[in-house]
Amino acid sequence: MIAPDPSQGVVDARQRVFGYENLLVCDGSAIPANVGVNPSLTITALVEHAMSHVPAAGDGAAGAEAPSARRAAAPSATATA
């Protein structure tokens, strides 16, 4: 469950497991309540939020904020001329 500290839950607001470096829980088990019949969009939003804080390979030290502006400006590998 998402919580502000380990006494109240398992993961923080970025889906990082308390007490374990580089371990994320990115599925429906982090949601503390039933969000409806099909929680897939909620789970997708949680995963996208968690991944926005993971630096891309070569972007620096682990645990650092991901530079979203730099990612957005990077050219797409699928772009054609």
Protein backbone atom coordinates (compact mmCIF):
# COMPACT_ATOMS: atom_id res chain seq x y z
CA MET A 1 0.00 0.00 0.00
CA ILE A 2 1.19 3.54 -0.77
CA ALA A 3 2.07 5.38 2.44
CA PRO A 4 4.19 8.25 3.78
CA ASP A 5 6.37 5.93 5.89
CA PRO A 6 7.04 2.20 6.46
CA SER A 7 4.86 2.02 9.56
CA GLN A 8 1.78 2.72 7.42
CA GLY A 9 2.51 0.93 4.15
CA VAL A 10 4.96 -0.78 1.83
CA VAL A 11 5.74 1.79 -0.89
CA ASP A 12 6.16 5.56 -1.04
CA ALA A 13 4.46 7.95 -3.49
CA ARG A 14 6.96 6.96 -6.20
CA GLN A 15 6.21 3.23 -5.78
CA ARG A 16 9.63 2.62 -4.13
CA VAL A 17 9.60 -0.15 -1.51
CA PHE A 18 10.70 1.12 1.88
CA GLY A 19 14.05 -0.33 2.93
CA TYR A 20 15.05 -1.61 -0.52
CA GLU A 21 17.09 0.37 -3.03
CA ASN A 22 15.86 0.30 -6.64
CA LEU A 23 12.82 -1.91 -5.97
CA LEU A 24 9.50 -0.63 -7.29
CA VAL A 25 6.01 -2.11 -7.02
CA CYS A 26 4.21 -1.13 -10.21
CA ASP A 27 0.94 -3.03 -10.17
CA GLY A 28 -2.46 -2.98 -8.55
CA SER A 29 -1.20 -4.30 -5.23
CA ALA A 30 -0.04 -0.78 -4.31
CA ILE A 31 -3.60 0.57 -4.49
CA PRO A 32 -5.12 0.59 -1.00
CA ALA A 33 -8.77 0.26 -2.09
CA ASN A 34 -10.97 -1.07 -4.85
CA VAL A 35 -11.04 1.60 -7.56
CA GLY A 36 -13.73 -0.04 -9.65
CA VAL A 37 -14.45 -2.90 -11.98
CA ASN A 38 -11.49 -2.26 -14.28
CA PRO A 39 -8.57 -0.49 -12.54
CA SER A 40 -6.26 -0.73 -15.57
CA LEU A 41 -6.14 3.04 -16.20
CA THR A 42 -5.36 3.75 -12.54
CA ILE A 43 -2.59 1.15 -12.55
CA THR A 44 -1.21 2.56 -15.82
CA ALA A 45 -1.14 6.07 -14.35
CA LEU A 46 0.69 4.82 -11.23
CA VAL A 47 3.27 3.01 -13.37
CA GLU A 48 3.82 6.04 -15.62
CA HIS A 49 4.27 8.24 -12.53
CA ALA A 50 6.79 5.82 -11.01
CA MET A 51 8.73 5.51 -14.26
CA SER A 52 8.90 9.29 -14.66
CA HIS A 53 11.24 9.29 -11.65
CA VAL A 54 13.57 6.60 -13.01
CA PRO A 55 16.48 8.07 -14.97
CA ALA A 56 17.03 6.78 -18.48
CA ALA A 57 20.16 4.70 -19.07
CA GLY A 58 23.16 7.01 -19.12
CA ASP A 59 21.30 9.95 -17.50
CA GLY A 60 23.30 9.84 -14.27
CA ALA A 61 23.19 8.32 -10.83
CA ALA A 62 20.46 5.92 -9.78
CA GLY A 63 17.74 7.52 -7.70
CA ALA A 64 18.14 10.93 -9.34
CA GLU A 65 15.18 12.79 -10.78
CA ALA A 66 14.66 11.95 -14.44
CA PRO A 67 15.15 15.00 -16.67
CA SER A 68 11.74 14.86 -18.38
CA ALA A 69 12.48 17.92 -20.53
CA ARG A 70 15.58 16.22 -21.94
CA ARG A 71 13.60 13.06 -22.68
CA ALA A 72 10.87 14.99 -24.45
CA ALA A 73 13.42 16.80 -26.62
CA ALA A 74 15.22 13.60 -27.65
CA PRO A 75 14.59 12.59 -31.27
CA SER A 76 12.44 9.55 -31.78
CA ALA A 77 14.14 6.40 -33.03
CA THR A 78 11.12 5.70 -35.26
CA ALA A 79 11.11 9.13 -36.94
CA THR A 80 11.70 9.12 -40.65
CA ALA A 81 13.18 11.87 -42.80
